[in-house]
Amino acid sequence: MAAVRRIVGFLGKRPGWTTISIGLLLLNISIELSLPQFLGSTITALGGTSADWSLGKTIALFLGLVVLRAGVGLVLGPIRNRTAQTALGDIRAAVYDSLQRRSFAWHDNARTGELISRAGTDVGRLQDLLSVCLLFGVDVAAGLIGTLSLIFITSPRLGLMTLLALVPTVASMAWFAAQLQPRWRRVHERHGAM
């Protein structure tokens, strides 16, 4: 977790781009979560005889939300990639700076292959962590919280059943992560040795 916090700190060096990325992400999630509610209200209104309800306006509003979501998605992709690539550039510069500050004696004892692996391959893998795990993680977390909130508002009993169904999923993910971590560490060590 300490390493993840340090990596997230590199995103904090560009607060503007990071804030815009997360803001657009949350806007997109809000639109996605509102569409099923909107459809539900429309279906309910179709069965009623409300005088102030207009099918044409409802369809136009729904299509407008869909177009807005698509537009936000088109803008979000390049901004999110720019944010991740900028942070990755800062990480590469920090790794290079750290290696330059080491003494000659330290470099004499260091394994060159491992240094190349750490500075090249491992930093490249951080791109997946930044663009997928961290920023996509915000997407998943916000979507999950929003969806659970809507389910609990609709039916507390159904919300409780949903939470209970999530427990084995989260437990299995934690178990697999614990199994994979030492294996990935061995892969990195062998890559450095190679």
N, C-alpha and C. Protein backbone atom coordinates (compact mmCIF):
# COMPACT_ATOMS: atom_id res chain seq x y z
N MET A 1 0.82 -1.21 0.00
CA MET A 1 0.00 0.00 0.00
C MET A 1 0.86 1.26 0.00
N ALA A 2 2.04 1.18 0.64
CA ALA A 2 2.93 2.34 0.66
C ALA A 2 3.38 2.68 -0.76
N ALA A 3 3.68 1.64 -1.54
CA ALA A 3 4.10 1.86 -2.94
C ALA A 3 2.96 2.47 -3.75
N VAL A 4 1.73 1.97 -3.52
CA VAL A 4 0.58 2.51 -4.25
C VAL A 4 0.37 3.98 -3.89
N ARG A 5 0.54 4.32 -2.59
CA ARG A 5 0.39 5.72 -2.18
C ARG A 5 1.43 6.61 -2.85
N ARG A 6 2.66 6.09 -2.99
CA ARG A 6 3.70 6.89 -3.66
C ARG A 6 3.38 7.09 -5.13
N ILE A 7 2.83 6.04 -5.76
CA ILE A 7 2.47 6.16 -7.17
C ILE A 7 1.31 7.15 -7.34
N VAL A 8 0.32 7.07 -6.44
CA VAL A 8 -0.80 8.01 -6.49
C VAL A 8 -0.28 9.43 -6.28
N GLY A 9 0.78 9.57 -5.48
CA GLY A 9 1.38 10.89 -5.27
C GLY A 9 1.85 11.52 -6.57
N PHE A 10 2.27 10.71 -7.54
CA PHE A 10 2.68 11.26 -8.84
C PHE A 10 1.48 11.81 -9.59
N LEU A 11 0.31 11.21 -9.40
CA LEU A 11 -0.91 11.77 -9.98
C LEU A 11 -1.24 13.11 -9.33
N GLY A 12 -0.92 13.23 -8.04
CA GLY A 12 -1.18 14.48 -7.31
C GLY A 12 -0.31 15.63 -7.77
N LYS A 13 0.79 15.34 -8.48
CA LYS A 13 1.63 16.42 -8.99
C LYS A 13 0.97 17.18 -10.13
N ARG A 14 -0.03 16.56 -10.73
CA ARG A 14 -0.80 17.21 -11.80
C ARG A 14 -2.27 17.24 -11.35
N PRO A 15 -2.59 18.06 -10.35
CA PRO A 15 -3.94 18.01 -9.78
C PRO A 15 -5.03 18.42 -10.77
N GLY A 16 -4.69 19.31 -11.70
CA GLY A 16 -5.70 19.76 -12.67
C GLY A 16 -6.20 18.63 -13.55
N TRP A 17 -5.26 17.92 -14.19
CA TRP A 17 -5.64 16.83 -15.09
C TRP A 17 -6.30 15.68 -14.33
N THR A 18 -5.77 15.39 -13.13
CA THR A 18 -6.34 14.31 -12.33
C THR A 18 -7.77 14.65 -11.92
N THR A 19 -7.99 15.91 -11.50
CA THR A 19 -9.33 16.34 -11.09
C THR A 19 -10.30 16.29 -12.26
N ILE A 20 -9.84 16.76 -13.43
CA ILE A 20 -10.71 16.73 -14.62
C ILE A 20 -11.06 15.29 -14.97
N SER A 21 -10.07 14.39 -14.93
CA SER A 21 -10.31 12.98 -15.25
C SER A 21 -11.35 12.38 -14.32
N ILE A 22 -11.14 12.58 -13.02
CA ILE A 22 -12.07 11.99 -12.04
C ILE A 22 -13.44 12.66 -12.13
N GLY A 23 -13.47 13.98 -12.37
CA GLY A 23 -14.75 14.68 -12.50
C GLY A 23 -15.56 14.17 -13.69
N LEU A 24 -14.90 14.02 -14.85
CA LEU A 24 -15.60 13.49 -16.03
C LEU A 24 -16.04 12.04 -15.81
N LEU A 25 -15.21 11.29 -15.10
CA LEU A 25 -15.55 9.91 -14.78
C LEU A 25 -16.82 9.84 -13.93
N LEU A 26 -16.89 10.69 -12.90
CA LEU A 26 -18.05 10.72 -12.02
C LEU A 26 -19.30 11.22 -12.76
N LEU A 27 -19.10 12.19 -13.67
CA LEU A 27 -20.23 12.66 -14.48
C LEU A 27 -20.77 11.53 -15.35
N ASN A 28 -19.87 10.78 -15.97
CA ASN A 28 -20.27 9.66 -16.81
C ASN A 28 -21.03 8.60 -16.01
N ILE A 29 -20.53 8.31 -14.80
CA ILE A 29 -21.20 7.33 -13.94
C ILE A 29 -22.58 7.82 -13.54
N SER A 30 -22.68 9.12 -13.21
CA SER A 30 -23.98 9.69 -12.83
C SER A 30 -25.00 9.54 -13.95
N ILE A 31 -24.56 9.81 -15.18
CA ILE A 31 -25.47 9.67 -16.32
C ILE A 31 -25.87 8.21 -16.49
N GLU A 32 -24.89 7.29 -16.39
CA GLU A 32 -25.18 5.86 -16.55
C GLU A 32 -26.17 5.37 -15.49
N LEU A 33 -26.01 5.86 -14.25
CA LEU A 33 -26.91 5.43 -13.19
C LEU A 33 -28.29 6.05 -13.31
N SER A 34 -28.36 7.24 -13.94
CA SER A 34 -29.67 7.90 -14.06
C SER A 34 -30.52 7.32 -15.19
N LEU A 35 -29.87 6.71 -16.20
CA LEU A 35 -30.62 6.19 -17.34
C LEU A 35 -31.63 5.10 -16.96
N PRO A 36 -31.26 4.08 -16.15
CA PRO A 36 -32.27 3.09 -15.77
C PRO A 36 -33.42 3.70 -14.95
N GLN A 37 -33.08 4.66 -14.07
CA GLN A 37 -34.12 5.33 -13.29
C GLN A 37 -35.06 6.10 -14.21
N PHE A 38 -34.46 6.74 -15.20
CA PHE A 38 -35.23 7.51 -16.16
C PHE A 38 -36.17 6.61 -16.95
N LEU A 39 -35.64 5.46 -17.39
CA LEU A 39 -36.47 4.50 -18.12
C LEU A 39 -37.62 3.97 -17.26
N GLY A 40 -37.30 3.69 -15.98
CA GLY A 40 -38.33 3.21 -15.07
C GLY A 40 -39.45 4.21 -14.89
N SER A 41 -39.08 5.50 -14.73
CA SER A 41 -40.09 6.55 -14.60
C SER A 41 -40.92 6.69 -15.87
N THR A 42 -40.26 6.53 -17.02
CA THR A 42 -40.97 6.63 -18.30
C THR A 42 -41.98 5.50 -18.46
N ILE A 43 -41.57 4.28 -18.10
CA ILE A 43 -42.49 3.14 -18.20
C ILE A 43 -43.68 3.33 -17.26
N THR A 44 -43.41 3.84 -16.06
CA THR A 44 -44.49 4.11 -15.11
C THR A 44 -45.44 5.16 -15.66
N ALA A 45 -44.89 6.21 -16.28
CA ALA A 45 -45.73 7.27 -16.83
C ALA A 45 -46.55 6.77 -18.03
N LEU A 46 -45.99 5.82 -18.79
CA LEU A 46 -46.74 5.26 -19.92
C LEU A 46 -48.02 4.57 -19.46
N GLY A 47 -47.96 3.97 -18.28
CA GLY A 47 -49.14 3.28 -17.76
C GLY A 47 -50.15 4.21 -17.13
N GLY A 48 -49.73 5.44 -16.82
CA GLY A 48 -50.64 6.40 -16.18
C GLY A 48 -51.28 7.32 -17.19
N THR A 49 -51.98 8.28 -16.66
CA THR A 49 -52.67 9.26 -17.52
C THR A 49 -52.30 10.67 -17.09
N SER A 50 -51.03 10.91 -16.87
CA SER A 50 -50.58 12.23 -16.42
C SER A 50 -50.68 13.24 -17.56
N ALA A 51 -51.30 14.38 -17.28
CA ALA A 51 -51.52 15.38 -18.32
C ALA A 51 -50.26 16.16 -18.65
N ASP A 52 -49.35 16.29 -17.68
CA ASP A 52 -48.15 17.10 -17.91
C ASP A 52 -46.99 16.26 -18.45
N TRP A 53 -47.24 15.02 -18.80
CA TRP A 53 -46.18 14.15 -19.29
C TRP A 53 -46.23 14.09 -20.80
N SER A 54 -45.08 14.25 -21.45
CA SER A 54 -45.01 14.24 -22.90
C SER A 54 -44.01 13.18 -23.35
N LEU A 55 -44.46 12.25 -24.20
CA LEU A 55 -43.58 11.18 -24.68
C LEU A 55 -42.44 11.75 -25.53
N GLY A 56 -42.74 12.74 -26.35
CA GLY A 56 -41.71 13.34 -27.21
C GLY A 56 -40.59 13.98 -26.41
N LYS A 57 -40.96 14.73 -25.36
CA LYS A 57 -39.94 15.38 -24.52
C LYS A 57 -39.11 14.33 -23.77
N THR A 58 -39.77 13.28 -23.35
CA THR A 58 -39.07 12.22 -22.62
C THR A 58 -38.05 11.51 -23.51
N ILE A 59 -38.45 11.22 -24.74
CA ILE A 59 -37.53 10.57 -25.68
C ILE A 59 -36.36 11.50 -25.99
N ALA A 60 -36.66 12.79 -26.20
CA ALA A 60 -35.60 13.76 -26.49
C ALA A 60 -34.62 13.86 -25.32
N LEU A 61 -35.15 13.89 -24.09
CA LEU A 61 -34.28 13.97 -22.91
C LEU A 61 -33.42 12.72 -22.76
N PHE A 62 -34.03 11.55 -23.00
CA PHE A 62 -33.28 10.30 -22.91
C PHE A 62 -32.16 10.26 -23.95
N LEU A 63 -32.47 10.61 -25.20
CA LEU A 63 -31.45 10.63 -26.25
C LEU A 63 -30.37 11.66 -25.95
N GLY A 64 -30.78 12.79 -25.37
CA GLY A 64 -29.80 13.81 -24.98
C GLY A 64 -28.82 13.29 -23.95
N LEU A 65 -29.34 12.54 -22.96
CA LEU A 65 -28.46 11.95 -21.95
C LEU A 65 -27.51 10.92 -22.55
N VAL A 66 -28.01 10.12 -23.49
CA VAL A 66 -27.16 9.12 -24.15
C VAL A 66 -26.05 9.80 -24.95
N VAL A 67 -26.39 10.85 -25.68
CA VAL A 67 -25.40 11.59 -26.47
C VAL A 67 -24.38 12.26 -25.55
N LEU A 68 -24.87 12.84 -24.44
CA LEU A 68 -23.97 13.48 -23.48
C LEU A 68 -22.99 12.47 -22.89
N ARG A 69 -23.49 11.28 -22.55
CA ARG A 69 -22.62 10.23 -22.01
C ARG A 69 -21.56 9.84 -23.03
N ALA A 70 -21.95 9.69 -24.29
CA ALA A 70 -20.99 9.34 -25.35
C ALA A 70 -19.95 10.45 -25.52
N GLY A 71 -20.41 11.71 -25.47
CA GLY A 71 -19.48 12.84 -25.60
C GLY A 71 -18.49 12.91 -24.46
N VAL A 72 -18.98 12.70 -23.25
CA VAL A 72 -18.09 12.70 -22.08
C VAL A 72 -17.08 11.56 -22.20
N GLY A 73 -17.54 10.39 -22.68
CA GLY A 73 -16.63 9.26 -22.86
C GLY A 73 -15.53 9.56 -23.88
N LEU A 74 -15.89 10.27 -24.97
CA LEU A 74 -14.90 10.62 -25.99
C LEU A 74 -13.86 11.60 -25.45
N VAL A 75 -14.30 12.53 -24.62
CA VAL A 75 -13.37 13.51 -24.04
C VAL A 75 -12.53 12.87 -22.94
N LEU A 76 -13.16 11.98 -22.17
CA LEU A 76 -12.49 11.38 -21.02
C LEU A 76 -11.30 10.51 -21.42
N GLY A 77 -11.44 9.73 -22.49
CA GLY A 77 -10.37 8.81 -22.90
C GLY A 77 -9.02 9.49 -23.08
N PRO A 78 -8.92 10.51 -23.95
CA PRO A 78 -7.62 11.18 -24.14
C PRO A 78 -7.11 11.88 -22.87
N ILE A 79 -8.02 12.47 -22.09
CA ILE A 79 -7.58 13.16 -20.87
C ILE A 79 -7.04 12.16 -19.86
N ARG A 80 -7.72 11.02 -19.73
CA ARG A 80 -7.25 9.99 -18.80
C ARG A 80 -5.90 9.44 -19.25
N ASN A 81 -5.73 9.21 -20.55
CA ASN A 81 -4.45 8.73 -21.06
C ASN A 81 -3.34 9.75 -20.85
N ARG A 82 -3.66 11.03 -21.07
CA ARG A 82 -2.66 12.09 -20.87
C ARG A 82 -2.24 12.14 -19.40
N THR A 83 -3.22 12.03 -18.50
CA THR A 83 -2.92 12.05 -17.07
C THR A 83 -1.99 10.89 -16.70
N ALA A 84 -2.31 9.70 -17.18
CA ALA A 84 -1.49 8.52 -16.86
C ALA A 84 -0.10 8.65 -17.47
N GLN A 85 0.00 9.11 -18.72
CA GLN A 85 1.30 9.22 -19.39
C GLN A 85 2.17 10.29 -18.74
N THR A 86 1.56 11.39 -18.31
CA THR A 86 2.33 12.44 -17.64
C THR A 86 2.88 11.94 -16.31
N ALA A 87 2.04 11.24 -15.55
CA ALA A 87 2.51 10.67 -14.28
C ALA A 87 3.61 9.64 -14.52
N LEU A 88 3.45 8.86 -15.60
CA LEU A 88 4.46 7.86 -15.94
C LEU A 88 5.79 8.52 -16.29
N GLY A 89 5.74 9.63 -17.00
CA GLY A 89 6.96 10.38 -17.31
C GLY A 89 7.63 10.89 -16.05
N ASP A 90 6.84 11.36 -15.09
CA ASP A 90 7.40 11.82 -13.81
C ASP A 90 8.05 10.67 -13.05
N ILE A 91 7.43 9.48 -13.11
CA ILE A 91 8.00 8.32 -12.43
C ILE A 91 9.32 7.92 -13.08
N ARG A 92 9.36 7.92 -14.42
CA ARG A 92 10.62 7.59 -15.12
C ARG A 92 11.72 8.57 -14.74
N ALA A 93 11.36 9.87 -14.68
CA ALA A 93 12.36 10.88 -14.31
C ALA A 93 12.84 10.66 -12.88
N ALA A 94 11.93 10.28 -11.98
CA ALA A 94 12.32 10.04 -10.58
C ALA A 94 13.23 8.82 -10.47
N VAL A 95 12.94 7.77 -11.25
CA VAL A 95 13.79 6.57 -11.23
C VAL A 95 15.18 6.92 -11.76
N TYR A 96 15.23 7.65 -12.86
CA TYR A 96 16.51 8.05 -13.44
C TYR A 96 17.30 8.92 -12.46
N ASP A 97 16.62 9.87 -11.84
CA ASP A 97 17.26 10.75 -10.88
C ASP A 97 17.81 9.96 -9.69
N SER A 98 17.04 8.97 -9.23
CA SER A 98 17.49 8.14 -8.11
C SER A 98 18.73 7.34 -8.48
N LEU A 99 18.76 6.79 -9.70
CA LEU A 99 19.94 6.02 -10.13
C LEU A 99 21.17 6.92 -10.28
N GLN A 100 20.95 8.16 -10.75
CA GLN A 100 22.07 9.09 -10.91
C GLN A 100 22.68 9.50 -9.58
N ARG A 101 21.89 9.49 -8.52
CA ARG A 101 22.37 9.93 -7.21
C ARG A 101 23.12 8.82 -6.45
N ARG A 102 23.02 7.59 -6.95
CA ARG A 102 23.71 6.49 -6.27
C ARG A 102 25.21 6.59 -6.48
N SER A 103 25.95 6.05 -5.52
CA SER A 103 27.42 6.11 -5.60
C SER A 103 27.94 5.09 -6.61
N PHE A 104 29.20 5.28 -6.99
CA PHE A 104 29.84 4.33 -7.91
C PHE A 104 29.93 2.94 -7.25
N ALA A 105 30.17 2.92 -5.94
CA ALA A 105 30.28 1.65 -5.22
C ALA A 105 28.94 0.91 -5.26
N TRP A 106 27.86 1.66 -5.13
CA TRP A 106 26.52 1.02 -5.19
C TRP A 106 26.29 0.41 -6.58
N HIS A 107 26.66 1.16 -7.63
CA HIS A 107 26.49 0.65 -9.00
C HIS A 107 27.40 -0.55 -9.27
N ASP A 108 28.59 -0.57 -8.66
CA ASP A 108 29.49 -1.72 -8.84
C ASP A 108 28.86 -3.00 -8.30
N ASN A 109 28.10 -2.88 -7.22
CA ASN A 109 27.50 -4.05 -6.58
C ASN A 109 26.11 -4.38 -7.12
N ALA A 110 25.48 -3.43 -7.81
CA ALA A 110 24.11 -3.65 -8.30
C ALA A 110 24.13 -4.56 -9.53
N ARG A 111 23.06 -5.30 -9.70
CA ARG A 111 22.92 -6.16 -10.88
C ARG A 111 22.33 -5.32 -12.01
N THR A 112 23.08 -5.21 -13.09
CA THR A 112 22.67 -4.35 -14.20
C THR A 112 21.35 -4.79 -14.81
N GLY A 113 21.17 -6.09 -14.97
CA GLY A 113 19.93 -6.60 -15.56
C GLY A 113 18.71 -6.22 -14.73
N GLU A 114 18.88 -6.30 -13.40
CA GLU A 114 17.76 -5.94 -12.53
C GLU A 114 17.45 -4.45 -12.62
N LEU A 115 18.48 -3.62 -12.71
CA LEU A 115 18.27 -2.18 -12.84
C LEU A 115 17.54 -1.85 -14.15
N ILE A 116 17.96 -2.52 -15.22
CA ILE A 116 17.31 -2.30 -16.51
C ILE A 116 15.85 -2.75 -16.45
N SER A 117 15.63 -3.88 -15.82
CA SER A 117 14.28 -4.40 -15.68
C SER A 117 13.41 -3.45 -14.87
N ARG A 118 13.93 -2.94 -13.76
CA ARG A 118 13.18 -2.03 -12.91
C ARG A 118 12.89 -0.70 -13.62
N ALA A 119 13.93 -0.16 -14.28
CA ALA A 119 13.77 1.16 -14.90
C ALA A 119 12.96 1.10 -16.19
N GLY A 120 12.97 -0.03 -16.86
CA GLY A 120 12.27 -0.12 -18.14
C GLY A 120 10.95 -0.85 -18.04
N THR A 121 11.05 -2.15 -17.82
CA THR A 121 9.85 -3.00 -17.84
C THR A 121 8.88 -2.67 -16.72
N ASP A 122 9.40 -2.54 -15.49
CA ASP A 122 8.52 -2.32 -14.34
C ASP A 122 7.82 -0.97 -14.43
N VAL A 123 8.55 0.05 -14.85
CA VAL A 123 7.92 1.37 -15.00
C VAL A 123 6.86 1.32 -16.10
N GLY A 124 7.14 0.56 -17.16
CA GLY A 124 6.14 0.40 -18.23
C GLY A 124 4.87 -0.27 -17.73
N ARG A 125 5.05 -1.23 -16.80
CA ARG A 125 3.87 -1.92 -16.24
C ARG A 125 3.04 -0.98 -15.37
N LEU A 126 3.66 0.06 -14.85
CA LEU A 126 2.91 1.02 -14.04
C LEU A 126 1.86 1.75 -14.87
N GLN A 127 2.04 1.77 -16.20
CA GLN A 127 1.04 2.39 -17.06
C GLN A 127 -0.31 1.69 -16.87
N ASP A 128 -0.28 0.37 -16.81
CA ASP A 128 -1.52 -0.38 -16.58
C ASP A 128 -2.11 -0.04 -15.22
N LEU A 129 -1.24 0.08 -14.21
CA LEU A 129 -1.73 0.40 -12.88
C LEU A 129 -2.38 1.77 -12.86
N LEU A 130 -1.72 2.76 -13.51
CA LEU A 130 -2.24 4.12 -13.48
C LEU A 130 -3.53 4.25 -14.28
N SER A 131 -3.51 3.76 -15.51
CA SER A 131 -4.67 3.98 -16.38
C SER A 131 -5.80 3.03 -16.10
N VAL A 132 -5.49 1.79 -15.72
CA VAL A 132 -6.55 0.80 -15.52
C VAL A 132 -6.93 0.70 -14.05
N CYS A 133 -5.97 0.35 -13.20
CA CYS A 133 -6.31 0.05 -11.81
C CYS A 133 -6.76 1.28 -11.03
N LEU A 134 -5.99 2.38 -11.12
CA LEU A 134 -6.33 3.52 -10.29
C LEU A 134 -7.53 4.29 -10.84
N LEU A 135 -7.43 4.78 -12.09
CA LEU A 135 -8.53 5.59 -12.63
C LEU A 135 -9.76 4.73 -12.91
N PHE A 136 -9.55 3.51 -13.41
CA PHE A 136 -10.67 2.60 -13.62
C PHE A 136 -11.22 2.13 -12.27
N GLY A 137 -10.34 2.05 -11.26
CA GLY A 137 -10.78 1.69 -9.92
C GLY A 137 -11.76 2.70 -9.36
N VAL A 138 -11.51 3.99 -9.64
CA VAL A 138 -12.46 5.04 -9.22
C VAL A 138 -13.79 4.81 -9.90
N ASP A 139 -13.75 4.47 -11.18
CA ASP A 139 -14.97 4.19 -11.96
C ASP A 139 -15.75 3.04 -11.32
N VAL A 140 -15.06 1.94 -11.03
CA VAL A 140 -15.72 0.77 -10.46
C VAL A 140 -16.27 1.07 -9.07
N ALA A 141 -15.46 1.72 -8.22
CA ALA A 141 -15.88 2.01 -6.85
C ALA A 141 -17.09 2.94 -6.83
N ALA A 142 -17.03 4.02 -7.62
CA ALA A 142 -18.15 4.97 -7.64
C ALA A 142 -19.40 4.32 -8.23
N GLY A 143 -19.22 3.52 -9.28
CA GLY A 143 -20.36 2.83 -9.88
C GLY A 143 -20.99 1.84 -8.92
N LEU A 144 -20.14 1.12 -8.18
CA LEU A 144 -20.64 0.14 -7.21
C LEU A 144 -21.40 0.83 -6.08
N ILE A 145 -20.82 1.90 -5.54
CA ILE A 145 -21.48 2.63 -4.45
C ILE A 145 -22.80 3.23 -4.93
N GLY A 146 -22.78 3.84 -6.14
CA GLY A 146 -24.01 4.42 -6.68
C GLY A 146 -25.09 3.38 -6.93
N THR A 147 -24.68 2.24 -7.51
CA THR A 147 -25.65 1.18 -7.79
C THR A 147 -26.24 0.61 -6.50
N LEU A 148 -25.38 0.35 -5.51
CA LEU A 148 -25.87 -0.17 -4.23
C LEU A 148 -26.81 0.83 -3.55
N SER A 149 -26.47 2.12 -3.65
CA SER A 149 -27.34 3.14 -3.06
C SER A 149 -28.72 3.12 -3.71
N LEU A 150 -28.73 3.05 -5.04
CA LEU A 150 -30.02 3.02 -5.75
C LEU A 150 -30.82 1.76 -5.40
N ILE A 151 -30.12 0.63 -5.26
CA ILE A 151 -30.82 -0.62 -4.90
C ILE A 151 -31.40 -0.50 -3.50
N PHE A 152 -30.62 0.06 -2.55
CA PHE A 152 -31.12 0.22 -1.18
C PHE A 152 -32.30 1.19 -1.12
N ILE A 153 -32.27 2.26 -1.94
CA ILE A 153 -33.39 3.21 -1.98
C ILE A 153 -34.64 2.51 -2.51
N THR A 154 -34.45 1.69 -3.56
CA THR A 154 -35.58 0.98 -4.15
C THR A 154 -36.13 -0.08 -3.20
N SER A 155 -35.22 -0.90 -2.64
CA SER A 155 -35.65 -1.97 -1.74
C SER A 155 -34.51 -2.33 -0.80
N PRO A 156 -34.63 -1.98 0.50
CA PRO A 156 -33.56 -2.32 1.44
C PRO A 156 -33.28 -3.83 1.52
N ARG A 157 -34.32 -4.64 1.38
CA ARG A 157 -34.13 -6.09 1.42
C ARG A 157 -33.30 -6.57 0.23
N LEU A 158 -33.60 -6.06 -0.95
CA LEU A 158 -32.83 -6.41 -2.15
C LEU A 158 -31.39 -5.90 -2.02
N GLY A 159 -31.21 -4.71 -1.44
CA GLY A 159 -29.87 -4.17 -1.22
C GLY A 159 -29.05 -5.05 -0.30
N LEU A 160 -29.68 -5.57 0.76
CA LEU A 160 -28.98 -6.46 1.68
C LEU A 160 -28.58 -7.76 1.00
N MET A 161 -29.48 -8.30 0.17
CA MET A 161 -29.17 -9.52 -0.58
C MET A 161 -28.00 -9.27 -1.54
N THR A 162 -27.98 -8.09 -2.16
CA THR A 162 -26.88 -7.74 -3.07
C THR A 162 -25.56 -7.67 -2.32
N LEU A 163 -25.57 -7.04 -1.14
CA LEU A 163 -24.35 -6.95 -0.33
C LEU A 163 -23.86 -8.34 0.06
N LEU A 164 -24.78 -9.21 0.45
CA LEU A 164 -24.39 -10.57 0.83
C LEU A 164 -23.80 -11.33 -0.36
N ALA A 165 -24.31 -11.06 -1.55
CA ALA A 165 -23.78 -11.72 -2.75
C ALA A 165 -22.38 -11.20 -3.09
N LEU A 166 -22.06 -9.97 -2.67
CA LEU A 166 -20.75 -9.40 -2.96
C LEU A 166 -19.65 -9.99 -2.08
N VAL A 167 -20.01 -10.48 -0.90
CA VAL A 167 -19.00 -10.97 0.05
C VAL A 167 -18.14 -12.08 -0.54
N PRO A 168 -18.72 -13.15 -1.13
CA PRO A 168 -17.85 -14.18 -1.70
C PRO A 168 -17.02 -13.68 -2.88
N THR A 169 -17.56 -12.73 -3.64
CA THR A 169 -16.82 -12.19 -4.78
C THR A 169 -15.57 -11.44 -4.30
N VAL A 170 -15.75 -10.56 -3.31
CA VAL A 170 -14.62 -9.79 -2.78
C VAL A 170 -13.62 -10.73 -2.10
N ALA A 171 -14.13 -11.73 -1.37
CA ALA A 171 -13.23 -12.68 -0.69
C ALA A 171 -12.40 -13.47 -1.70
N SER A 172 -13.02 -13.91 -2.79
CA SER A 172 -12.26 -14.67 -3.79
C SER A 172 -11.25 -13.79 -4.51
N MET A 173 -11.60 -12.51 -4.75
CA MET A 173 -10.64 -11.60 -5.38
C MET A 173 -9.43 -11.38 -4.47
N ALA A 174 -9.67 -11.20 -3.16
CA ALA A 174 -8.57 -11.02 -2.21
C ALA A 174 -7.70 -12.27 -2.15
N TRP A 175 -8.32 -13.45 -2.19
CA TRP A 175 -7.55 -14.70 -2.14
C TRP A 175 -6.67 -14.84 -3.38
N PHE A 176 -7.25 -14.58 -4.57
CA PHE A 176 -6.47 -14.69 -5.80
C PHE A 176 -5.34 -13.68 -5.84
N ALA A 177 -5.60 -12.46 -5.35
CA ALA A 177 -4.55 -11.44 -5.32
C ALA A 177 -3.40 -11.89 -4.42
N ALA A 178 -3.73 -12.47 -3.27
CA ALA A 178 -2.69 -12.96 -2.35
C ALA A 178 -1.89 -14.10 -2.98
N GLN A 179 -2.54 -14.95 -3.80
CA GLN A 179 -1.84 -16.04 -4.46
C GLN A 179 -0.95 -15.54 -5.59
N LEU A 180 -1.40 -14.50 -6.29
CA LEU A 180 -0.66 -14.02 -7.46
C LEU A 180 0.55 -13.17 -7.11
N GLN A 181 0.47 -12.43 -6.00
CA GLN A 181 1.54 -11.48 -5.70
C GLN A 181 2.92 -12.13 -5.60
N PRO A 182 3.12 -13.22 -4.82
CA PRO A 182 4.46 -13.82 -4.78
C PRO A 182 4.89 -14.42 -6.11
N ARG A 183 3.93 -14.90 -6.89
CA ARG A 183 4.29 -15.46 -8.20
C ARG A 183 4.77 -14.37 -9.15
N TRP A 184 4.08 -13.22 -9.13
CA TRP A 184 4.53 -12.12 -9.97
C TRP A 184 5.90 -11.62 -9.54
N ARG A 185 6.14 -11.65 -8.21
CA ARG A 185 7.45 -11.23 -7.72
C ARG A 185 8.55 -12.14 -8.28
N ARG A 186 8.28 -13.45 -8.32
CA ARG A 186 9.26 -14.39 -8.89
C ARG A 186 9.47 -14.14 -10.38
N VAL A 187 8.37 -13.81 -11.07
CA VAL A 187 8.49 -13.49 -12.51
C VAL A 187 9.39 -12.28 -12.70
N HIS A 188 9.21 -11.25 -11.88
CA HIS A 188 10.05 -10.04 -12.00
C HIS A 188 11.51 -10.35 -11.70
N GLU A 189 11.74 -11.19 -10.68
CA GLU A 189 13.10 -11.55 -10.35
C GLU A 189 13.77 -12.32 -11.49
N ARG A 190 13.05 -13.23 -12.11
CA ARG A 190 13.62 -14.00 -13.21
C ARG A 190 13.85 -13.11 -14.45
N HIS A 191 12.93 -12.15 -14.63
CA HIS A 191 13.11 -11.23 -15.75
C HIS A 191 14.36 -10.40 -15.56
N GLY A 192 14.58 -9.94 -14.31
CA GLY A 192 15.82 -9.19 -14.02
C GLY A 192 17.06 -10.03 -14.22
N ALA A 193 16.98 -11.31 -13.79
CA ALA A 193 18.12 -12.21 -13.95
C ALA A 193 18.40 -12.47 -15.43
N MET A 194 17.34 -12.59 -16.22
CA MET A 194 17.52 -12.84 -17.65
C MET A 194 18.20 -11.63 -18.32
